[in-house]
Amino acid sequence: MRIAFYFAILVSLLLLSCNREPSLQKYFVENSEKKEFVSLDISPSILNIDKTKLTAQQKTAIKSFEKMNILAYKFDKNNPAQYNTESQKVTQLLKGEDYQELMKIGSGKDGASISYVGSADNINEFVLFAKRKENGFAVVRILGDNMDPNNIMNMISLLKSANIDMDALKPLQGLIK
């Protein structure tokens, strides 16, 4: 009888401690299977980079990068209100206290922003949110460990010379006009 009582208390505490607030992670999970969205999880192996030719900084950048999650919404001219609703949801999530905006480009219906989670010298997640009303929007979460802005800049330089596996990106082709 005592074991059942303690078990009930433990389960109650676990249920109460669950975070019910909206988050970008929950948004990804809730929408990844919906037909209006395209969802991809990408590992560093997509880059197909010869690691023997990397500089020490580039090796550090690759090592800090764990995976990338992409969630894209394709604009439907028959339902523009849904685009506005979904875009606004992401915008509100990125205004949360966990996210610090690094940069913003454009405004209104077209634009992009880069935000991060963590401290300036120990970033756990970069988030790129880009939208263009004619196409839709995409949210890219770059997850890693001990990332910093220099790592991201090094990753961008690596992308230019990478032999990216384009087959892994085929689901996104429908978004580009």
C-alpha atoms as a PDB file:
ATOM      1  CA  MET A   1       0.000   0.000   0.000  1.00  0.00           C
ATOM      2  CA  ARG A   2       2.842   2.389   0.854  1.00  0.00           C
ATOM      3  CA  ILE A   3       4.588   1.660  -2.438  1.00  0.00           C
ATOM      4  CA  ALA A   4       1.432   2.522  -4.374  1.00  0.00           C
ATOM      5  CA  PHE A   5       1.088   5.774  -2.393  1.00  0.00           C
ATOM      6  CA  TYR A   6       4.699   6.817  -3.064  1.00  0.00           C
ATOM      7  CA  PHE A   7       4.376   5.818  -6.703  1.00  0.00           C
ATOM      8  CA  ALA A   8       1.229   7.985  -7.032  1.00  0.00           C
ATOM      9  CA  ILE A   9       3.067  10.954  -5.509  1.00  0.00           C
ATOM     10  CA  LEU A  10       6.018  10.454  -7.849  1.00  0.00           C
ATOM     11  CA  VAL A  11       3.770  10.289 -10.926  1.00  0.00           C
ATOM     12  CA  SER A  12       1.889  13.406  -9.770  1.00  0.00           C
ATOM     13  CA  LEU A  13       5.119  15.334  -9.361  1.00  0.00           C
ATOM     14  CA  LEU A  14       6.331  14.271 -12.784  1.00  0.00           C
ATOM     15  CA  LEU A  15       3.082  15.341 -14.415  1.00  0.00           C
ATOM     16  CA  LEU A  16       3.105  18.694 -12.648  1.00  0.00           C
ATOM     17  CA  SER A  17       6.691  19.372 -13.629  1.00  0.00           C
ATOM     18  CA  CYS A  18       6.031  18.918 -17.359  1.00  0.00           C
ATOM     19  CA  ASN A  19       6.511  22.183 -19.182  1.00  0.00           C
ATOM     20  CA  ARG A  20       3.251  23.039 -20.923  1.00  0.00           C
ATOM     21  CA  GLU A  21       4.435  26.329 -22.340  1.00  0.00           C
ATOM     22  CA  PRO A  22       4.838  26.564 -26.101  1.00  0.00           C
ATOM     23  CA  SER A  23       8.365  26.073 -27.412  1.00  0.00           C
ATOM     24  CA  LEU A  24      10.054  25.867 -30.778  1.00  0.00           C
ATOM     25  CA  GLN A  25      10.794  22.184 -30.147  1.00  0.00           C
ATOM     26  CA  LYS A  26       7.080  21.508 -29.521  1.00  0.00           C
ATOM     27  CA  TYR A  27       6.183  23.501 -32.635  1.00  0.00           C
ATOM     28  CA  PHE A  28       8.502  21.289 -34.708  1.00  0.00           C
ATOM     29  CA  VAL A  29       7.033  18.096 -33.228  1.00  0.00           C
ATOM     30  CA  GLU A  30       3.409  19.215 -33.624  1.00  0.00           C
ATOM     31  CA  ASN A  31       3.842  20.270 -37.257  1.00  0.00           C
ATOM     32  CA  SER A  32       6.415  17.879 -38.697  1.00  0.00           C
ATOM     33  CA  GLU A  33       3.778  15.406 -39.902  1.00  0.00           C
ATOM     34  CA  LYS A  34       1.292  17.943 -41.269  1.00  0.00           C
ATOM     35  CA  LYS A  35       0.918  18.072 -45.048  1.00  0.00           C
ATOM     36  CA  GLU A  36       1.520  21.844 -45.200  1.00  0.00           C
ATOM     37  CA  PHE A  37       4.986  21.395 -43.725  1.00  0.00           C
ATOM     38  CA  VAL A  38       8.217  19.773 -44.829  1.00  0.00           C
ATOM     39  CA  SER A  39      10.432  18.490 -42.046  1.00  0.00           C
ATOM     40  CA  LEU A  40      14.053  17.362 -42.291  1.00  0.00           C
ATOM     41  CA  ASP A  41      16.692  16.314 -39.788  1.00  0.00           C
ATOM     42  CA  ILE A  42      20.198  16.673 -41.151  1.00  0.00           C
ATOM     43  CA  SER A  43      23.440  15.355 -39.684  1.00  0.00           C
ATOM     44  CA  PRO A  44      26.919  16.737 -40.387  1.00  0.00           C
ATOM     45  CA  SER A  45      27.534  13.815 -42.750  1.00  0.00           C
ATOM     46  CA  ILE A  46      25.455  15.601 -45.424  1.00  0.00           C
ATOM     47  CA  LEU A  47      28.384  17.962 -45.969  1.00  0.00           C
ATOM     48  CA  ASN A  48      30.692  15.247 -47.415  1.00  0.00           C
ATOM     49  CA  ILE A  49      33.824  17.157 -46.424  1.00  0.00           C
ATOM     50  CA  ASP A  50      37.372  15.819 -46.605  1.00  0.00           C
ATOM     51  CA  LYS A  51      38.322  16.366 -42.954  1.00  0.00           C
ATOM     52  CA  THR A  52      42.039  16.025 -43.708  1.00  0.00           C
ATOM     53  CA  LYS A  53      41.940  19.370 -45.529  1.00  0.00           C
ATOM     54  CA  LEU A  54      40.248  21.321 -42.726  1.00  0.00           C
ATOM     55  CA  THR A  55      41.854  24.016 -40.611  1.00  0.00           C
ATOM     56  CA  ALA A  56      41.830  23.713 -36.825  1.00  0.00           C
ATOM     57  CA  GLN A  57      38.985  26.254 -36.623  1.00  0.00           C
ATOM     58  CA  GLN A  58      36.934  24.352 -39.194  1.00  0.00           C
ATOM     59  CA  LYS A  59      37.482  21.084 -37.307  1.00  0.00           C
ATOM     60  CA  THR A  60      36.276  22.779 -34.111  1.00  0.00           C
ATOM     61  CA  ALA A  61      33.214  24.089 -35.932  1.00  0.00           C
ATOM     62  CA  ILE A  62      32.343  20.642 -37.342  1.00  0.00           C
ATOM     63  CA  LYS A  63      32.891  19.035 -33.936  1.00  0.00           C
ATOM     64  CA  SER A  64      30.501  21.507 -32.244  1.00  0.00           C
ATOM     65  CA  PHE A  65      27.735  20.868 -34.805  1.00  0.00           C
ATOM     66  CA  GLU A  66      25.464  17.944 -33.907  1.00  0.00           C
ATOM     67  CA  LYS A  67      22.479  18.230 -36.235  1.00  0.00           C
ATOM     68  CA  MET A  68      20.166  20.545 -38.078  1.00  0.00           C
ATOM     69  CA  ASN A  69      16.369  20.463 -37.967  1.00  0.00           C
ATOM     70  CA  ILE A  70      14.459  22.153 -40.765  1.00  0.00           C
ATOM     71  CA  LEU A  71      10.739  22.852 -40.748  1.00  0.00           C
ATOM     72  CA  ALA A  72       9.362  24.612 -43.807  1.00  0.00           C
ATOM     73  CA  TYR A  73       5.859  25.817 -44.554  1.00  0.00           C
ATOM     74  CA  LYS A  74       4.839  26.165 -48.193  1.00  0.00           C
ATOM     75  CA  PHE A  75       2.624  29.162 -48.916  1.00  0.00           C
ATOM     76  CA  ASP A  76      -0.833  28.208 -50.180  1.00  0.00           C
ATOM     77  CA  LYS A  77      -2.448  31.001 -52.188  1.00  0.00           C
ATOM     78  CA  ASN A  78      -5.837  29.452 -51.376  1.00  0.00           C
ATOM     79  CA  ASN A  79      -5.226  29.851 -47.636  1.00  0.00           C
ATOM     80  CA  PRO A  80      -3.081  32.945 -46.968  1.00  0.00           C
ATOM     81  CA  ALA A  81      -4.491  33.300 -43.456  1.00  0.00           C
ATOM     82  CA  GLN A  82      -2.841  30.056 -42.376  1.00  0.00           C
ATOM     83  CA  TYR A  83       0.561  31.329 -43.559  1.00  0.00           C
ATOM     84  CA  ASN A  84       0.091  34.466 -41.463  1.00  0.00           C
ATOM     85  CA  THR A  85      -1.014  32.435 -38.425  1.00  0.00           C
ATOM     86  CA  GLU A  86       1.883  29.972 -38.616  1.00  0.00           C
ATOM     87  CA  SER A  87       4.458  32.680 -39.319  1.00  0.00           C
ATOM     88  CA  GLN A  88       3.187  34.674 -36.335  1.00  0.00           C
ATOM     89  CA  LYS A  89       3.438  31.600 -34.078  1.00  0.00           C
ATOM     90  CA  VAL A  90       7.126  31.191 -34.914  1.00  0.00           C
ATOM     91  CA  THR A  91       7.754  34.917 -34.484  1.00  0.00           C
ATOM     92  CA  GLN A  92       6.173  34.800 -31.016  1.00  0.00           C
ATOM     93  CA  LEU A  93       8.176  31.727 -30.014  1.00  0.00           C
ATOM     94  CA  LEU A  94      11.409  33.460 -31.020  1.00  0.00           C
ATOM     95  CA  LYS A  95      10.481  36.446 -28.842  1.00  0.00           C
ATOM     96  CA  GLY A  96      10.592  34.136 -25.807  1.00  0.00           C
ATOM     97  CA  GLU A  97      13.149  34.671 -23.084  1.00  0.00           C
ATOM     98  CA  ASP A  98      15.273  31.692 -24.180  1.00  0.00           C
ATOM     99  CA  TYR A  99      16.040  33.221 -27.584  1.00  0.00           C
ATOM    100  CA  GLN A 100      18.380  36.127 -28.125  1.00  0.00           C
ATOM    101  CA  GLU A 101      18.230  37.797 -31.509  1.00  0.00           C
ATOM    102  CA  LEU A 102      21.608  38.089 -33.174  1.00  0.00           C
ATOM    103  CA  MET A 103      20.563  39.656 -36.458  1.00  0.00           C
ATOM    104  CA  LYS A 104      17.458  40.637 -38.414  1.00  0.00           C
ATOM    105  CA  ILE A 105      17.230  41.292 -42.147  1.00  0.00           C
ATOM    106  CA  GLY A 106      14.218  42.752 -43.931  1.00  0.00           C
ATOM    107  CA  SER A 107      10.811  43.418 -42.455  1.00  0.00           C
ATOM    108  CA  GLY A 108       7.130  42.892 -43.041  1.00  0.00           C
ATOM    109  CA  LYS A 109       6.217  39.959 -45.273  1.00  0.00           C
ATOM    110  CA  ASP A 110       9.820  39.130 -46.309  1.00  0.00           C
ATOM    111  CA  GLY A 111      12.794  38.806 -44.033  1.00  0.00           C
ATOM    112  CA  ALA A 112      15.032  36.662 -41.913  1.00  0.00           C
ATOM    113  CA  SER A 113      16.380  36.539 -38.408  1.00  0.00           C
ATOM    114  CA  ILE A 114      19.102  34.656 -36.601  1.00  0.00           C
ATOM    115  CA  SER A 115      18.658  33.925 -32.911  1.00  0.00           C
ATOM    116  CA  TYR A 116      20.480  31.744 -30.427  1.00  0.00           C
ATOM    117  CA  VAL A 117      19.973  29.891 -27.165  1.00  0.00           C
ATOM    118  CA  GLY A 118      22.720  29.980 -24.544  1.00  0.00           C
ATOM    119  CA  SER A 119      25.406  32.492 -23.723  1.00  0.00           C
ATOM    120  CA  ALA A 120      27.546  34.311 -26.285  1.00  0.00           C
ATOM    121  CA  ASP A 121      30.483  31.926 -25.755  1.00  0.00           C
ATOM    122  CA  ASN A 122      28.493  28.712 -25.201  1.00  0.00           C
ATOM    123  CA  ILE A 123      25.662  28.492 -27.703  1.00  0.00           C
ATOM    124  CA  ASN A 124      23.502  25.365 -27.760  1.00  0.00           C
ATOM    125  CA  GLU A 125      21.256  26.302 -30.660  1.00  0.00           C
ATOM    126  CA  PHE A 126      21.160  28.767 -33.542  1.00  0.00           C
ATOM    127  CA  VAL A 127      17.805  29.444 -35.169  1.00  0.00           C
ATOM    128  CA  LEU A 128      17.411  30.859 -38.641  1.00  0.00           C
ATOM    129  CA  PHE A 129      13.881  31.983 -39.501  1.00  0.00           C
ATOM    130  CA  ALA A 130      13.372  33.109 -43.088  1.00  0.00           C
ATOM    131  CA  LYS A 131      10.106  33.991 -44.749  1.00  0.00           C
ATOM    132  CA  ARG A 132       8.920  35.115 -48.123  1.00  0.00           C
ATOM    133  CA  LYS A 133       5.193  35.333 -48.590  1.00  0.00           C
ATOM    134  CA  GLU A 134       5.272  34.015 -52.162  1.00  0.00           C
ATOM    135  CA  ASN A 135       7.108  30.845 -51.070  1.00  0.00           C
ATOM    136  CA  GLY A 136       6.444  30.348 -47.374  1.00  0.00           C
ATOM    137  CA  PHE A 137       8.865  30.197 -44.485  1.00  0.00           C
ATOM    138  CA  ALA A 138      11.519  27.957 -43.034  1.00  0.00           C
ATOM    139  CA  VAL A 139      12.840  27.548 -39.524  1.00  0.00           C
ATOM    140  CA  VAL A 140      16.298  26.013 -39.256  1.00  0.00           C
ATOM    141  CA  ARG A 141      17.561  24.894 -35.870  1.00  0.00           C
ATOM    142  CA  ILE A 142      21.309  24.277 -35.755  1.00  0.00           C
ATOM    143  CA  LEU A 143      21.977  22.242 -32.642  1.00  0.00           C
ATOM    144  CA  GLY A 144      25.368  21.702 -31.133  1.00  0.00           C
ATOM    145  CA  ASP A 145      27.594  21.874 -28.134  1.00  0.00           C
ATOM    146  CA  ASN A 146      29.750  24.844 -27.150  1.00  0.00           C
ATOM    147  CA  MET A 147      29.103  26.624 -30.428  1.00  0.00           C
ATOM    148  CA  ASP A 148      29.985  30.255 -30.858  1.00  0.00           C
ATOM    149  CA  PRO A 149      29.451  32.776 -33.669  1.00  0.00           C
ATOM    150  CA  ASN A 150      32.916  31.954 -35.082  1.00  0.00           C
ATOM    151  CA  ASN A 151      31.876  28.309 -35.449  1.00  0.00           C
ATOM    152  CA  ILE A 152      28.837  29.355 -37.452  1.00  0.00           C
ATOM    153  CA  MET A 153      30.966  31.569 -39.703  1.00  0.00           C
ATOM    154  CA  ASN A 154      33.358  28.652 -40.227  1.00  0.00           C
ATOM    155  CA  MET A 155      30.419  26.362 -41.002  1.00  0.00           C
ATOM    156  CA  ILE A 156      29.178  28.841 -43.608  1.00  0.00           C
ATOM    157  CA  SER A 157      32.619  28.876 -45.250  1.00  0.00           C
ATOM    158  CA  LEU A 158      32.613  25.059 -45.207  1.00  0.00           C
ATOM    159  CA  LEU A 159      29.209  24.975 -46.902  1.00  0.00           C
ATOM    160  CA  LYS A 160      30.687  26.829 -49.865  1.00  0.00           C
ATOM    161  CA  SER A 161      33.229  24.078 -50.479  1.00  0.00           C
ATOM    162  CA  ALA A 162      31.145  21.120 -49.317  1.00  0.00           C
ATOM    163  CA  ASN A 163      29.943  18.386 -51.630  1.00  0.00           C
ATOM    164  CA  ILE A 164      26.416  18.437 -50.178  1.00  0.00           C
ATOM    165  CA  ASP A 165      24.257  15.341 -50.621  1.00  0.00           C
ATOM    166  CA  MET A 166      21.429  16.968 -52.598  1.00  0.00           C
ATOM    167  CA  ASP A 167      19.216  13.867 -52.367  1.00  0.00           C
ATOM    168  CA  ALA A 168      18.804  14.574 -48.664  1.00  0.00           C
ATOM    169  CA  LEU A 169      17.423  18.037 -49.496  1.00  0.00           C
ATOM    170  CA  LYS A 170      14.906  16.957 -52.182  1.00  0.00           C
ATOM    171  CA  PRO A 171      11.866  17.512 -49.929  1.00  0.00           C
ATOM    172  CA  LEU A 172      12.685  21.239 -49.880  1.00  0.00           C
ATOM    173  CA  GLN A 173      12.715  21.631 -53.661  1.00  0.00           C
ATOM    174  CA  GLY A 174       8.983  22.293 -53.780  1.00  0.00           C
ATOM    175  CA  LEU A 175       9.448  25.474 -51.757  1.00  0.00           C
ATOM    176  CA  ILE A 176      11.803  27.113 -54.217  1.00  0.00           C
ATOM    177  CA  LYS A 177      10.242  28.811 -57.222  1.00  0.00           C
END
